[in-house]
Amino acid sequence: MILGIEDITGGPQIVAFLVWLALSALFYLVCYMAAMQVIDGWTGNSIAKIPVMFAAAIPSAALMAALDYSPLIIAVVMAVSNYFRVQNLAAKAAEAGREPPNKILHYGASYGYLILVPALAFYLRGFISAP
């Protein structure tokens, strides 16, 4: 007799948790770290940062909705780490003697992105999972 995952006590729940953990890591790296760094590099202190960040929220949210991922916990983690990310940008700019980032612009655009992603993911989930 071969044991399956269903034969292990809590097996399906453990697998579901590991899948959720892997998706959380994927979304943190792709939808937060990579997207924010690339957009910050492209836009700098330009006001174009706001519409670009808001437009980048659409594919991130669509990916979350398509994979049926609930982004509440990761949204909180991203919001906390975003504060330190912008502080780090300011410290690195001061070290290098460059123009410091406009904190109002950076915080406004990045937190707008972080609010739009879970909101759009919940909204789009209704369209994707509709019969």
Protein backbone atom coordinates (compact mmCIF):
# COMPACT_ATOMS: atom_id res chain seq x y z
CA MET A 1 0.00 0.00 0.00
CA ILE A 2 1.28 3.44 -0.96
CA LEU A 3 0.46 6.34 1.29
CA GLY A 4 -0.83 9.52 -0.29
CA ILE A 5 -0.93 13.05 1.03
CA GLU A 6 -4.52 12.45 2.18
CA ASP A 7 -3.33 9.65 4.49
CA ILE A 8 -1.09 11.98 6.47
CA THR A 9 -2.84 13.86 9.27
CA GLY A 10 -3.17 17.46 8.13
CA GLY A 11 -1.50 16.64 4.82
CA PRO A 12 -3.79 18.63 2.50
CA GLN A 13 -3.69 21.62 4.84
CA ILE A 14 0.10 21.50 4.96
CA VAL A 15 0.28 21.40 1.18
CA ALA A 16 -2.21 24.27 0.91
CA PHE A 17 -0.11 26.30 3.37
CA LEU A 18 3.11 25.59 1.46
CA VAL A 19 1.46 26.65 -1.81
CA TRP A 20 0.23 29.85 -0.14
CA LEU A 21 3.73 30.49 1.23
CA ALA A 22 5.29 29.99 -2.20
CA LEU A 23 2.75 32.35 -3.79
CA SER A 24 3.43 34.93 -1.07
CA ALA A 25 7.16 34.80 -1.79
CA LEU A 26 6.51 35.04 -5.53
CA PHE A 27 4.23 38.06 -5.19
CA TYR A 28 6.58 39.76 -2.75
CA LEU A 29 9.53 39.39 -5.11
CA VAL A 30 7.76 40.12 -8.40
CA CYS A 31 4.89 42.46 -7.55
CA TYR A 32 6.70 44.41 -4.88
CA MET A 33 10.49 44.25 -4.99
CA ALA A 34 11.04 44.03 -8.74
CA ALA A 35 8.14 46.25 -9.82
CA MET A 36 8.90 49.03 -7.36
CA GLN A 37 12.64 49.07 -8.04
CA VAL A 38 12.18 49.09 -11.81
CA ILE A 39 9.56 51.84 -11.71
CA ASP A 40 11.66 53.92 -9.30
CA GLY A 41 14.63 53.56 -11.63
CA TRP A 42 12.64 54.61 -14.68
CA THR A 43 10.74 57.52 -13.19
CA GLY A 44 13.03 58.92 -10.49
CA ASN A 45 11.46 62.06 -9.00
CA SER A 46 9.11 62.57 -11.95
CA ILE A 47 5.39 63.04 -11.41
CA ALA A 48 4.95 60.28 -14.02
CA LYS A 49 5.66 57.86 -11.18
CA ILE A 50 2.03 58.03 -9.99
CA PRO A 51 0.27 56.90 -13.20
CA VAL A 52 2.99 54.34 -13.92
CA MET A 53 2.63 52.80 -10.45
CA PHE A 54 -1.15 52.78 -10.73
CA ALA A 55 -0.97 51.16 -14.17
CA ALA A 56 1.47 48.54 -12.83
CA ALA A 57 -1.11 47.60 -10.19
CA ILE A 58 -3.45 46.19 -12.86
CA PRO A 59 -1.31 43.24 -14.05
CA SER A 60 -0.20 42.49 -10.48
CA ALA A 61 -3.81 42.35 -9.31
CA ALA A 62 -4.86 40.31 -12.34
CA LEU A 63 -2.15 37.76 -11.56
CA MET A 64 -3.30 37.54 -7.95
CA ALA A 65 -6.92 37.13 -9.03
CA ALA A 66 -6.06 34.50 -11.63
CA LEU A 67 -4.13 32.44 -9.08
CA ASP A 68 -6.91 32.95 -6.49
CA TYR A 69 -4.46 34.47 -4.02
CA SER A 70 -5.77 36.43 -1.04
CA PRO A 71 -3.32 39.32 -0.65
CA LEU A 72 -4.26 40.67 2.80
CA ILE A 73 -1.26 39.45 4.78
CA ILE A 74 1.27 40.17 2.05
CA ALA A 75 -0.25 43.66 1.60
CA VAL A 76 0.50 44.43 5.26
CA VAL A 77 4.05 43.09 4.92
CA MET A 78 4.58 45.17 1.77
CA ALA A 79 3.19 48.31 3.43
CA VAL A 80 5.58 48.01 6.37
CA SER A 81 8.60 47.19 4.21
CA ASN A 82 7.76 50.04 1.83
CA TYR A 83 8.42 52.58 4.57
CA PHE A 84 11.92 51.19 5.02
CA ARG A 85 12.44 50.94 1.25
CA VAL A 86 11.84 54.68 0.76
CA GLN A 87 14.00 55.53 3.78
CA ASN A 88 16.77 53.37 2.26
CA LEU A 89 16.44 55.20 -1.07
CA ALA A 90 16.91 58.52 0.72
CA ALA A 91 19.93 57.26 2.64
CA LYS A 92 21.60 55.88 -0.50
CA ALA A 93 20.99 59.14 -2.38
CA ALA A 94 22.54 61.15 0.46
CA GLU A 95 25.55 58.80 0.54
CA ALA A 96 26.11 59.12 -3.19
CA GLY A 97 25.58 62.88 -3.20
CA ARG A 98 22.57 62.63 -5.51
CA GLU A 99 19.32 64.51 -5.30
CA PRO A 100 17.21 62.96 -2.52
CA PRO A 101 13.94 61.36 -3.54
CA ASN A 102 10.77 63.39 -3.14
CA LYS A 103 9.33 61.48 -0.20
CA ILE A 104 5.76 62.69 -0.72
CA LEU A 105 5.86 61.52 -4.33
CA HIS A 106 7.51 58.19 -3.50
CA TYR A 107 5.23 57.42 -0.56
CA GLY A 108 2.10 58.55 -2.40
CA ALA A 109 2.80 56.52 -5.52
CA SER A 110 4.02 53.41 -3.75
CA TYR A 111 1.27 53.30 -1.14
CA GLY A 112 -1.28 54.02 -3.86
CA TYR A 113 0.09 50.98 -5.70
CA LEU A 114 -0.04 48.89 -2.53
CA ILE A 115 -3.67 49.86 -1.89
CA LEU A 116 -4.74 49.34 -5.50
CA VAL A 117 -3.25 45.85 -5.88
CA PRO A 118 -5.35 44.04 -3.24
CA ALA A 119 -8.43 46.13 -4.03
CA LEU A 120 -8.21 45.31 -7.73
CA ALA A 121 -7.40 41.67 -6.96
CA PHE A 122 -10.63 41.30 -4.97
CA TYR A 123 -12.58 43.15 -7.67
CA LEU A 124 -11.12 41.10 -10.53
CA ARG A 125 -11.61 37.84 -8.66
CA GLY A 126 -15.37 38.32 -9.10
CA PHE A 127 -14.93 38.40 -12.89
CA ILE A 128 -12.53 35.49 -13.08
CA SER A 129 -14.45 33.15 -10.79
CA ALA A 130 -17.89 34.09 -12.18
CA PRO A 131 -19.71 31.11 -13.73
